[in-house]
């Protein structure tokens, strides 16, 4: 009887442990939590990832990104910074950005050298490396950017990224025309029925830093009267980032804080947009989404609420 009793006890224990384990798996699986050191850390983890490709220095090559961008490199394109032709394999680092949500997550604002917003046909970063050194180019690299269902805009121009501490503090970037502000990049944009064809004649200086390029219409928003948009946090202790995501246009602008407010002096009056706010406190994310129609000397107040990366991205996607 003792043996039967002991076996029954063991069976009950096994059944109890098994049921307890199943209950934990089904109902109490820990929910992933956000843990960011800063908003910059949030961008680093959620921005568009870098792609890496290999082409031949002598034969050239081509590749197509997951976004549908086609990059064509002619034969004998690359040179070292000392002017020697590169004959071996070349590593090409590349990332492309089309959606407004990706612009925001990567913190790549569509802001012109004048401070005005830009209508973007697609942003991309490119860098060529051999033996650990950035290379220069002696022939035209062709970057074919898909329209993604959006009507072609014949006003697109080739612009290049530049860090600007005045228009974009804290290491932010603006877009400038070729050979302005000492950027050094050069190119042009052709328009077809299905794509923008970005012809890249030279990289930015220095080659070790890589080159940001953008097919943009710098004049689209100039048809609207400009006004000052003041964006104000109802919580004076809040510290985060504010963005302006335009409706029906491929444009996202980073609005920077000056004093106690976030001010944008080049807002196109009459257009619809959403003020998007993202901040971090104690590793947790806080956000706000405020739809607006921009009016003359408008002030927008916002308050943030606790969110998660998943929830923030889902709401941001609805603005694309």
Protein backbone atom coordinates (compact mmCIF):
# COMPACT_ATOMS: atom_id res chain seq x y z
CA UNK A 1 0.00 0.00 0.00
CA UNK A 2 2.87 2.35 0.79
CA UNK A 3 4.26 1.75 -2.69
CA UNK A 4 0.91 2.51 -4.35
CA UNK A 5 0.47 5.62 -2.19
CA UNK A 6 3.96 6.86 -3.07
CA UNK A 7 3.35 6.28 -6.80
CA UNK A 8 0.04 8.13 -6.59
CA UNK A 9 1.73 11.06 -4.83
CA UNK A 10 4.46 11.26 -7.50
CA UNK A 11 1.85 11.11 -10.27
CA UNK A 12 -0.10 13.98 -8.70
CA UNK A 13 3.08 16.04 -8.37
CA UNK A 14 4.04 15.42 -12.01
CA UNK A 15 0.55 16.33 -13.16
CA UNK A 16 0.57 19.49 -11.02
CA UNK A 17 3.96 20.62 -12.33
CA UNK A 18 2.93 19.87 -15.91
CA UNK A 19 -0.34 21.79 -15.61
CA UNK A 20 1.41 24.69 -13.89
CA UNK A 21 3.98 24.92 -16.73
CA UNK A 22 1.29 24.89 -19.42
CA UNK A 23 -0.63 27.64 -17.61
CA UNK A 24 2.49 29.82 -17.45
CA UNK A 25 3.23 29.40 -21.17
CA UNK A 26 -0.34 30.23 -22.20
CA UNK A 27 -1.24 33.09 -19.90
CA UNK A 28 1.68 34.67 -18.08
CA UNK A 29 4.41 34.91 -20.73
CA UNK A 30 6.33 38.12 -19.88
CA UNK A 31 5.50 41.05 -22.18
CA UNK A 32 8.61 42.55 -23.82
CA UNK A 33 9.43 45.92 -22.26
CA UNK A 34 11.15 48.91 -23.80
CA UNK A 35 14.47 49.84 -22.29
CA UNK A 36 16.16 52.77 -24.00
CA UNK A 37 18.93 54.96 -22.67
CA UNK A 38 17.73 57.97 -24.68
CA UNK A 39 15.68 58.94 -27.73
CA UNK A 40 18.89 58.67 -29.76
CA UNK A 41 19.14 55.07 -28.54
CA UNK A 42 15.53 54.54 -29.70
CA UNK A 43 16.48 55.74 -33.21
CA UNK A 44 19.58 53.54 -33.23
CA UNK A 45 17.48 50.44 -32.51
CA UNK A 46 14.52 51.22 -34.76
CA UNK A 47 15.91 53.13 -37.76
CA UNK A 48 16.34 51.56 -41.18
CA UNK A 49 19.11 48.94 -41.07
CA UNK A 50 22.25 49.16 -43.19
CA UNK A 51 22.49 46.69 -46.09
CA UNK A 52 25.86 45.36 -47.29
CA UNK A 53 26.66 44.28 -50.86
CA UNK A 54 29.78 43.23 -52.78
CA UNK A 55 30.73 44.33 -56.32
CA UNK A 56 33.89 43.89 -58.37
CA UNK A 57 36.30 46.80 -58.67
CA UNK A 58 37.11 45.83 -62.24
CA UNK A 59 33.83 44.35 -63.55
CA UNK A 60 31.42 46.45 -61.48
CA UNK A 61 28.07 44.93 -60.59
CA UNK A 62 24.53 45.68 -59.47
CA UNK A 63 22.15 44.86 -56.66
CA UNK A 64 18.50 45.35 -55.72
CA UNK A 65 17.51 46.25 -52.17
CA UNK A 66 14.48 44.85 -50.29
CA UNK A 67 12.82 48.26 -50.90
CA UNK A 68 13.16 47.79 -54.67
CA UNK A 69 16.02 50.23 -55.27
CA UNK A 70 18.33 49.11 -58.10
CA UNK A 71 21.98 50.20 -57.88
CA UNK A 72 24.23 49.82 -60.94
CA UNK A 73 28.01 50.19 -60.65
CA UNK A 74 30.00 50.35 -63.93
CA UNK A 75 33.33 48.58 -64.43
CA UNK A 76 36.46 50.30 -63.09
CA UNK A 77 34.50 52.82 -61.03
CA UNK A 78 36.37 52.92 -57.73
CA UNK A 79 39.66 54.53 -56.72
CA UNK A 80 41.51 54.79 -53.46
CA UNK A 81 41.84 58.20 -51.85
CA UNK A 82 45.41 58.22 -53.22
CA UNK A 83 44.08 57.79 -56.78
CA UNK A 84 44.90 54.12 -57.38
CA UNK A 85 42.37 52.00 -59.27
CA UNK A 86 40.66 49.33 -57.15
CA UNK A 87 40.80 45.87 -58.75
CA UNK A 88 39.53 43.60 -55.98
CA UNK A 89 36.14 43.27 -54.33
CA UNK A 90 34.41 46.41 -53.05
CA UNK A 91 31.98 46.44 -50.14
CA UNK A 92 29.05 48.79 -50.67
CA UNK A 93 27.08 49.88 -47.60
CA UNK A 94 23.59 51.06 -48.53
CA UNK A 95 20.31 52.02 -46.90
CA UNK A 96 17.21 53.48 -48.56
CA UNK A 97 14.28 55.34 -47.03
CA UNK A 98 10.91 55.99 -48.68
CA UNK A 99 8.21 55.90 -46.00
CA UNK A 100 7.61 58.82 -43.64
CA UNK A 101 7.62 56.41 -40.72
CA UNK A 102 11.14 55.27 -41.67
CA UNK A 103 12.27 58.89 -41.99
CA UNK A 104 11.14 59.52 -38.42
CA UNK A 105 12.44 56.27 -36.95
CA UNK A 106 15.82 56.94 -38.61
CA UNK A 107 15.68 60.66 -37.74
CA UNK A 108 16.37 61.72 -41.34
CA UNK A 109 14.41 64.93 -41.78
CA UNK A 110 13.31 66.21 -45.20
CA UNK A 111 14.55 69.77 -44.59
CA UNK A 112 16.08 71.96 -47.32
CA UNK A 113 19.17 74.17 -46.89
CA UNK A 114 16.81 77.16 -46.59
CA UNK A 115 14.97 75.54 -43.67
CA UNK A 116 11.85 74.80 -45.72
CA UNK A 117 10.34 71.31 -46.04
CA UNK A 118 11.06 69.07 -49.01
CA UNK A 119 8.92 66.67 -51.00
CA UNK A 120 11.03 63.51 -51.08
CA UNK A 121 11.18 60.87 -53.78
CA UNK A 122 13.54 58.69 -51.74
CA UNK A 123 16.59 59.08 -49.52
CA UNK A 124 19.60 56.79 -49.58
CA UNK A 125 23.01 56.38 -47.97
CA UNK A 126 25.95 54.89 -49.86
CA UNK A 127 29.55 54.15 -48.94
CA UNK A 128 32.18 52.10 -50.80
CA UNK A 129 34.99 50.40 -48.88
CA UNK A 130 38.08 48.36 -49.76
CA UNK A 131 40.77 47.32 -47.28
CA UNK A 132 39.01 49.28 -44.56
CA UNK A 133 39.20 52.60 -46.42
CA UNK A 134 36.46 54.71 -48.01
CA UNK A 135 36.73 54.95 -51.80
CA UNK A 136 36.06 57.66 -54.38
CA UNK A 137 34.33 57.15 -57.74
CA UNK A 138 35.41 58.05 -61.26
CA UNK A 139 32.25 56.96 -63.11
CA UNK A 140 28.53 57.48 -62.61
CA UNK A 141 26.72 55.15 -60.23
CA UNK A 142 23.05 54.80 -61.19
CA UNK A 143 20.44 54.46 -58.43
CA UNK A 144 16.95 53.64 -59.70
CA UNK A 145 14.33 54.55 -57.10
CA UNK A 146 10.81 53.08 -57.38
CA UNK A 147 7.82 55.45 -57.32
CA UNK A 148 5.94 53.08 -54.99
CA UNK A 149 2.58 53.90 -56.54
CA UNK A 150 3.02 57.67 -56.27
CA UNK A 151 2.74 59.83 -59.40
CA UNK A 152 6.06 60.96 -60.84
CA UNK A 153 7.15 64.52 -60.02
CA UNK A 154 9.21 66.25 -62.71
CA UNK A 155 10.47 68.78 -60.15
CA UNK A 156 12.77 66.26 -58.43
CA UNK A 157 16.41 67.30 -58.02
CA UNK A 158 19.56 65.65 -56.66
CA UNK A 159 20.30 66.83 -53.12
CA UNK A 160 22.97 65.77 -50.64
CA UNK A 161 22.99 65.47 -46.87
CA UNK A 162 24.92 67.84 -44.64
CA UNK A 163 25.15 68.18 -40.87
CA UNK A 164 24.02 71.70 -39.92
CA UNK A 165 24.23 72.90 -36.31
CA UNK A 166 21.94 75.91 -36.92
CA UNK A 167 18.98 74.48 -38.85
CA UNK A 168 19.43 71.03 -37.33
CA UNK A 169 21.05 71.13 -33.86
CA UNK A 170 22.48 68.09 -32.08
CA UNK A 171 24.00 66.52 -35.19
CA UNK A 172 20.89 66.71 -37.36
CA UNK A 173 21.04 66.79 -41.14
CA UNK A 174 19.68 69.05 -43.88
CA UNK A 175 19.67 68.62 -47.65
CA UNK A 176 21.63 70.90 -50.00
CA UNK A 177 22.15 71.27 -53.74
CA UNK A 178 25.29 69.87 -55.35
CA UNK A 179 28.60 71.55 -54.46
CA UNK A 180 27.06 73.95 -51.93
CA UNK A 181 28.25 74.41 -48.35
CA UNK A 182 31.40 72.46 -49.22
CA UNK A 183 29.52 69.18 -49.48
CA UNK A 184 31.25 68.07 -52.68
CA UNK A 185 28.64 65.57 -53.86
CA UNK A 186 27.34 65.82 -57.41
CA UNK A 187 24.50 64.21 -59.32
CA UNK A 188 21.24 64.58 -61.20
CA UNK A 189 17.78 63.05 -61.16
CA UNK A 190 15.90 61.76 -64.21
CA UNK A 191 12.19 60.91 -64.12
CA UNK A 192 10.55 57.98 -65.91
CA UNK A 193 7.06 56.51 -65.73
CA UNK A 194 8.08 54.05 -63.03
CA UNK A 195 11.13 55.44 -61.22
CA UNK A 196 13.49 58.28 -60.38
CA UNK A 197 16.96 57.70 -61.82
CA UNK A 198 19.59 59.24 -59.56
CA UNK A 199 22.93 59.62 -61.36
CA UNK A 200 25.68 59.94 -58.74
CA UNK A 201 28.86 61.52 -60.13
CA UNK A 202 30.84 61.88 -56.90
CA UNK A 203 30.66 61.08 -53.21
CA UNK A 204 30.59 63.67 -50.45
CA UNK A 205 33.76 64.63 -48.64
CA UNK A 206 35.09 62.70 -46.86
CA UNK A 207 34.70 59.27 -48.50
CA UNK A 208 35.18 57.61 -45.11
CA UNK A 209 31.93 59.18 -43.86
CA UNK A 210 29.68 57.94 -46.66
CA UNK A 211 27.18 59.98 -48.68
CA UNK A 212 23.51 60.73 -48.08
CA UNK A 213 21.51 61.46 -51.26
CA UNK A 214 17.90 62.47 -51.82
CA UNK A 215 15.63 62.86 -54.83
CA UNK A 216 13.66 65.94 -53.77
CA UNK A 217 11.41 68.64 -55.07
CA UNK A 218 12.75 71.70 -53.19
CA UNK A 219 10.06 74.01 -54.60
CA UNK A 220 6.84 72.10 -53.90
CA UNK A 221 6.08 73.72 -50.53
CA UNK A 222 7.09 77.22 -51.66
CA UNK A 223 3.64 77.70 -53.22
CA UNK A 224 2.18 77.84 -49.70
CA UNK A 225 2.61 80.87 -47.40
CA UNK A 226 5.12 80.21 -44.63
CA UNK A 227 4.26 80.74 -41.00
CA UNK A 228 5.73 80.08 -37.57
CA UNK A 229 4.44 76.95 -35.87
CA UNK A 230 4.97 76.84 -32.10
CA UNK A 231 4.71 73.43 -30.43
CA UNK A 232 4.45 73.56 -26.64
CA UNK A 233 4.63 70.81 -24.03
CA UNK A 234 2.12 71.12 -21.19
CA UNK A 235 4.71 69.35 -19.01
CA UNK A 236 7.62 71.74 -18.45
CA UNK A 237 9.88 68.83 -17.44
CA UNK A 238 9.40 66.92 -20.69
CA UNK A 239 12.49 66.39 -22.80
CA UNK A 240 12.07 64.62 -26.12
CA UNK A 241 11.83 65.08 -29.87
CA UNK A 242 9.08 66.60 -32.00
CA UNK A 243 8.36 65.87 -35.67
CA UNK A 244 5.95 67.20 -38.26
CA UNK A 245 4.56 64.49 -40.57
CA UNK A 246 2.68 65.91 -43.56
CA UNK A 247 -0.51 64.35 -44.88
CA UNK A 248 -0.60 63.20 -48.54
CA UNK A 249 3.00 64.29 -49.13
CA UNK A 250 6.27 62.41 -48.65
CA UNK A 251 7.75 64.75 -46.07
CA UNK A 252 8.74 64.51 -42.41
CA UNK A 253 10.43 67.43 -40.63
CA UNK A 254 12.30 67.32 -37.32
CA UNK A 255 11.23 70.36 -35.26
CA UNK A 256 13.90 71.41 -32.78
CA UNK A 257 13.52 72.99 -29.36
CA UNK A 258 14.53 76.61 -28.86
CA UNK A 259 14.03 77.83 -25.31
CA UNK A 260 10.85 76.34 -23.83
CA UNK A 261 9.12 75.60 -27.15
CA UNK A 262 9.64 73.65 -30.33
CA UNK A 263 9.48 76.23 -33.13
CA UNK A 264 9.31 75.80 -36.89
CA UNK A 265 9.46 79.06 -38.86
CA UNK A 266 8.86 77.52 -42.30
CA UNK A 267 5.54 75.74 -41.81
CA UNK A 268 3.35 75.79 -44.98
CA UNK A 269 0.07 77.35 -43.94
CA UNK A 270 -3.10 75.52 -44.99
CA UNK A 271 -1.63 72.00 -45.11
CA UNK A 272 -2.62 69.11 -42.89
CA UNK A 273 0.00 67.36 -40.77
CA UNK A 274 0.45 65.42 -37.55
CA UNK A 275 2.69 66.56 -34.72
CA UNK A 276 4.46 63.42 -33.51
CA UNK A 277 6.28 63.46 -30.17
CA UNK A 278 8.61 60.79 -28.78
CA UNK A 279 10.41 60.91 -25.45
CA UNK A 280 12.15 58.64 -22.97
CA UNK A 281 12.04 58.59 -19.19
CA UNK A 282 13.58 55.85 -17.10
CA UNK A 283 13.96 53.63 -20.15
CA UNK A 284 10.24 53.87 -21.00
CA UNK A 285 8.74 55.57 -24.04
CA UNK A 286 6.25 58.42 -24.04
CA UNK A 287 4.54 59.79 -27.14
CA UNK A 288 1.87 62.06 -28.56
CA UNK A 289 0.11 62.31 -31.93
CA UNK A 290 -1.68 65.60 -32.62
CA UNK A 291 -3.38 66.07 -36.04
CA UNK A 292 -3.43 69.71 -37.18
CA UNK A 293 -4.20 71.97 -40.10
CA UNK A 294 -1.43 74.56 -40.11
CA UNK A 295 -2.69 78.13 -39.73
CA UNK A 296 -1.00 81.50 -39.37
CA UNK A 297 1.20 81.76 -36.22
CA UNK A 298 -0.33 78.61 -34.80
CA UNK A 299 0.45 77.20 -31.34
CA UNK A 300 -0.05 73.50 -30.65
CA UNK A 301 -0.06 72.12 -27.11
CA UNK A 302 0.71 68.48 -26.39
CA UNK A 303 0.91 66.09 -23.48
CA UNK A 304 2.60 62.70 -23.68
CA UNK A 305 1.37 59.30 -22.54
CA UNK A 306 3.20 56.06 -21.83
CA UNK A 307 3.59 53.84 -24.90
CA UNK A 308 5.58 50.91 -26.28
CA UNK A 309 7.74 50.59 -29.35
CA UNK A 310 5.17 48.31 -30.98
CA UNK A 311 2.26 50.66 -30.29
CA UNK A 312 4.21 53.74 -31.39
CA UNK A 313 5.27 52.13 -34.67
CA UNK A 314 1.74 50.93 -35.39
CA UNK A 315 0.31 54.42 -34.97
CA UNK A 316 3.16 55.95 -36.96
CA UNK A 317 2.52 53.56 -39.86
CA UNK A 318 -0.98 55.00 -40.27
CA UNK A 319 0.59 58.33 -41.31
CA UNK A 320 2.42 56.88 -44.36
